[in-house]
């Protein structure tokens, strides 16, 4: 799994649209197709705040010479987590949970964004085990929603998924 590093990468991934949400987090995804497949299929319209820059598409931002793989970014604004130690703890949890889901995630650029604060009265210490467990539980829920939604979309289009059982072949008489 590769990490998003530059501002344009984060902006492009967030422009791809929101895949799932929980009380504190949102998961944004921009699908990345290999260079040959990108030319074969028309791009899906973005559902995010704005289109990608005209001069550079996802191929320029994510180095599409080889299969794209999974890209992950964590966005934890100061507005929702005041202390740096809290922001870093949440980012570590995001990357750890994302690494456990790496094999199930589609080849895309993903951004997990903190969108609400964790109550400082409930979690007094910035690195408490209670905060880490709460963050991890909610991230597992976030990625679980995203997996169900992506498998549901694949089923709706008729594409078989690992969760969809294949019918047995008819016996030949």
Protein backbone atom coordinates (compact mmCIF):
# COMPACT_ATOMS: atom_id res chain seq x y z
CA UNK A 1 0.00 0.00 0.00
CA UNK A 2 1.33 3.39 -0.96
CA UNK A 3 0.65 6.57 0.97
CA UNK A 4 -0.71 9.79 -0.44
CA UNK A 5 1.82 12.57 0.08
CA UNK A 6 0.99 15.65 -1.93
CA UNK A 7 -1.91 18.07 -1.72
CA UNK A 8 -3.04 17.40 -5.34
CA UNK A 9 -3.18 13.65 -4.58
CA UNK A 10 -5.42 14.29 -1.55
CA UNK A 11 -7.60 16.70 -3.53
CA UNK A 12 -8.00 14.25 -6.40
CA UNK A 13 -8.92 11.37 -4.07
CA UNK A 14 -11.48 13.50 -2.24
CA UNK A 15 -12.98 14.69 -5.55
CA UNK A 16 -13.68 11.05 -6.38
CA UNK A 17 -16.58 10.97 -3.94
CA UNK A 18 -17.55 9.62 -0.54
CA UNK A 19 -17.83 5.86 -0.25
CA UNK A 20 -18.87 5.47 3.40
CA UNK A 21 -19.35 7.47 6.59
CA UNK A 22 -19.51 6.92 10.32
CA UNK A 23 -20.08 9.35 13.17
CA UNK A 24 -16.47 10.56 13.13
CA UNK A 25 -14.99 9.49 9.79
CA UNK A 26 -15.61 9.66 6.04
CA UNK A 27 -13.92 7.49 3.41
CA UNK A 28 -13.32 9.07 -0.02
CA UNK A 29 -12.22 7.07 -3.07
CA UNK A 30 -10.95 7.82 -6.56
CA UNK A 31 -10.83 4.72 -8.76
CA UNK A 32 -7.58 4.16 -10.59
CA UNK A 33 -7.50 2.02 -13.72
CA UNK A 34 -4.41 0.76 -15.53
CA UNK A 35 -3.45 2.89 -18.50
CA UNK A 36 -4.87 0.47 -21.08
CA UNK A 37 -8.14 -0.02 -19.22
CA UNK A 38 -8.58 3.71 -18.62
CA UNK A 39 -8.73 4.36 -22.35
CA UNK A 40 -11.17 1.48 -22.91
CA UNK A 41 -13.82 2.55 -20.39
CA UNK A 42 -15.29 6.04 -19.98
CA UNK A 43 -14.49 7.68 -16.64
CA UNK A 44 -17.24 7.86 -14.04
CA UNK A 45 -18.41 11.40 -13.27
CA UNK A 46 -16.95 12.68 -9.98
CA UNK A 47 -19.32 13.11 -7.04
CA UNK A 48 -16.96 15.29 -5.04
CA UNK A 49 -16.59 19.04 -4.77
CA UNK A 50 -14.98 19.62 -8.15
CA UNK A 51 -13.41 17.96 -11.19
CA UNK A 52 -9.77 17.03 -11.51
CA UNK A 53 -7.44 19.61 -13.06
CA UNK A 54 -7.49 19.47 -16.87
CA UNK A 55 -3.72 19.21 -17.24
CA UNK A 56 -3.25 16.28 -14.89
CA UNK A 57 -5.54 13.36 -14.27
CA UNK A 58 -5.06 10.46 -11.89
CA UNK A 59 -2.40 8.98 -14.17
CA UNK A 60 -0.13 11.99 -13.63
CA UNK A 61 -0.74 12.16 -9.88
CA UNK A 62 -0.32 8.49 -9.05
CA UNK A 63 2.33 7.27 -11.53
CA UNK A 64 0.34 4.88 -13.68
CA UNK A 65 3.23 3.19 -15.54
CA UNK A 66 2.54 -0.06 -13.69
CA UNK A 67 -0.64 -1.43 -12.08
CA UNK A 68 -1.85 1.33 -9.76
CA UNK A 69 -2.36 -0.56 -6.51
CA UNK A 70 -3.96 0.85 -3.37
CA UNK A 71 -3.14 4.36 -2.19
CA UNK A 72 -4.13 5.56 1.29
CA UNK A 73 -4.15 8.95 2.96
CA UNK A 74 -5.26 10.09 6.41
CA UNK A 75 -6.63 13.56 6.99
CA UNK A 76 -7.03 14.64 10.62
CA UNK A 77 -7.63 18.41 10.83
CA UNK A 78 -6.68 20.51 13.86
CA UNK A 79 -10.28 21.62 14.02
CA UNK A 80 -11.36 18.15 15.21
CA UNK A 81 -8.20 17.00 17.05
CA UNK A 82 -6.41 19.89 18.73
CA UNK A 83 -3.35 18.11 20.08
CA UNK A 84 -0.69 16.81 17.72
CA UNK A 85 -0.33 13.62 19.73
CA UNK A 86 -4.05 12.92 19.23
CA UNK A 87 -3.82 13.58 15.48
CA UNK A 88 -0.82 11.29 15.15
CA UNK A 89 -2.49 8.53 17.18
CA UNK A 90 -5.59 8.68 14.97
CA UNK A 91 -3.47 8.65 11.78
CA UNK A 92 -1.56 5.59 13.01
CA UNK A 93 -4.85 3.80 13.67
CA UNK A 94 -6.14 4.74 10.20
CA UNK A 95 -3.05 3.33 8.46
CA UNK A 96 -3.03 0.17 10.62
CA UNK A 97 -6.68 -0.64 9.89
CA UNK A 98 -6.26 0.21 6.20
CA UNK A 99 -3.29 -2.16 6.00
CA UNK A 100 -5.46 -4.98 7.33
CA UNK A 101 -8.04 -4.28 4.58
CA UNK A 102 -5.47 -3.78 1.80
CA UNK A 103 -6.19 -7.06 0.01
CA UNK A 104 -9.94 -6.30 -0.07
CA UNK A 105 -9.69 -2.67 -1.20
CA UNK A 106 -10.01 -1.88 -4.91
CA UNK A 107 -7.15 -0.32 -6.84
CA UNK A 108 -7.90 3.27 -5.97
CA UNK A 109 -6.76 6.30 -4.02
CA UNK A 110 -8.47 6.41 -0.62
CA UNK A 111 -8.61 9.20 1.96
CA UNK A 112 -9.98 8.68 5.47
CA UNK A 113 -11.04 12.05 6.87
CA UNK A 114 -11.87 12.85 10.47
CA UNK A 115 -15.11 14.85 10.38
CA UNK A 116 -16.02 15.22 14.06
CA UNK A 117 -14.20 15.48 17.36
CA UNK A 118 -13.85 12.75 19.95
CA UNK A 119 -15.10 14.02 23.32
CA UNK A 120 -12.14 15.16 25.44
CA UNK A 121 -14.14 14.58 28.62
CA UNK A 122 -14.63 10.94 27.72
CA UNK A 123 -11.08 10.44 26.38
CA UNK A 124 -8.91 12.56 28.68
CA UNK A 125 -5.58 11.18 27.51
CA UNK A 126 -4.61 11.72 23.89
CA UNK A 127 -3.04 8.28 23.66
CA UNK A 128 -5.36 6.33 25.96
CA UNK A 129 -6.23 2.76 25.11
CA UNK A 130 -9.91 3.71 25.26
CA UNK A 131 -9.43 6.30 22.49
CA UNK A 132 -7.42 3.88 20.37
CA UNK A 133 -10.09 1.19 20.74
CA UNK A 134 -12.90 3.61 19.91
CA UNK A 135 -11.06 4.88 16.82
CA UNK A 136 -10.19 1.35 15.68
CA UNK A 137 -13.77 0.10 16.16
CA UNK A 138 -15.18 2.97 14.15
CA UNK A 139 -12.58 2.53 11.39
CA UNK A 140 -13.42 -1.18 11.14
CA UNK A 141 -17.06 -0.16 10.76
CA UNK A 142 -16.13 2.44 8.11
CA UNK A 143 -14.14 -0.03 6.00
CA UNK A 144 -16.81 -2.70 6.52
CA UNK A 145 -19.45 -0.35 5.07
CA UNK A 146 -17.16 0.41 2.13
CA UNK A 147 -16.56 -3.30 1.43
CA UNK A 148 -20.29 -4.09 1.53
CA UNK A 149 -21.08 -1.14 -0.69
CA UNK A 150 -18.42 -2.02 -3.28
CA UNK A 151 -19.48 -5.70 -3.30
CA UNK A 152 -23.12 -4.60 -3.64
CA UNK A 153 -22.23 -2.38 -6.61
CA UNK A 154 -20.34 -5.24 -8.26
CA UNK A 155 -23.32 -7.55 -7.71
CA UNK A 156 -25.72 -4.98 -9.17
CA UNK A 157 -23.63 -4.74 -12.34
CA UNK A 158 -23.52 -8.51 -12.63
CA UNK A 159 -19.84 -8.91 -11.84
CA UNK A 160 -19.17 -11.89 -9.57
CA UNK A 161 -17.56 -11.18 -6.22
CA UNK A 162 -15.92 -13.39 -3.64
CA UNK A 163 -19.03 -13.05 -1.44
CA UNK A 164 -21.38 -14.02 -4.29
CA UNK A 165 -21.68 -17.81 -4.59
CA UNK A 166 -21.46 -19.08 -8.13
CA UNK A 167 -24.23 -21.40 -9.34
CA UNK A 168 -23.28 -25.03 -9.83
CA UNK A 169 -23.03 -26.17 -13.44
CA UNK A 170 -26.06 -28.02 -14.77
CA UNK A 171 -25.59 -31.79 -15.03
CA UNK A 172 -24.96 -33.00 -18.56
CA UNK A 173 -27.24 -35.84 -19.64
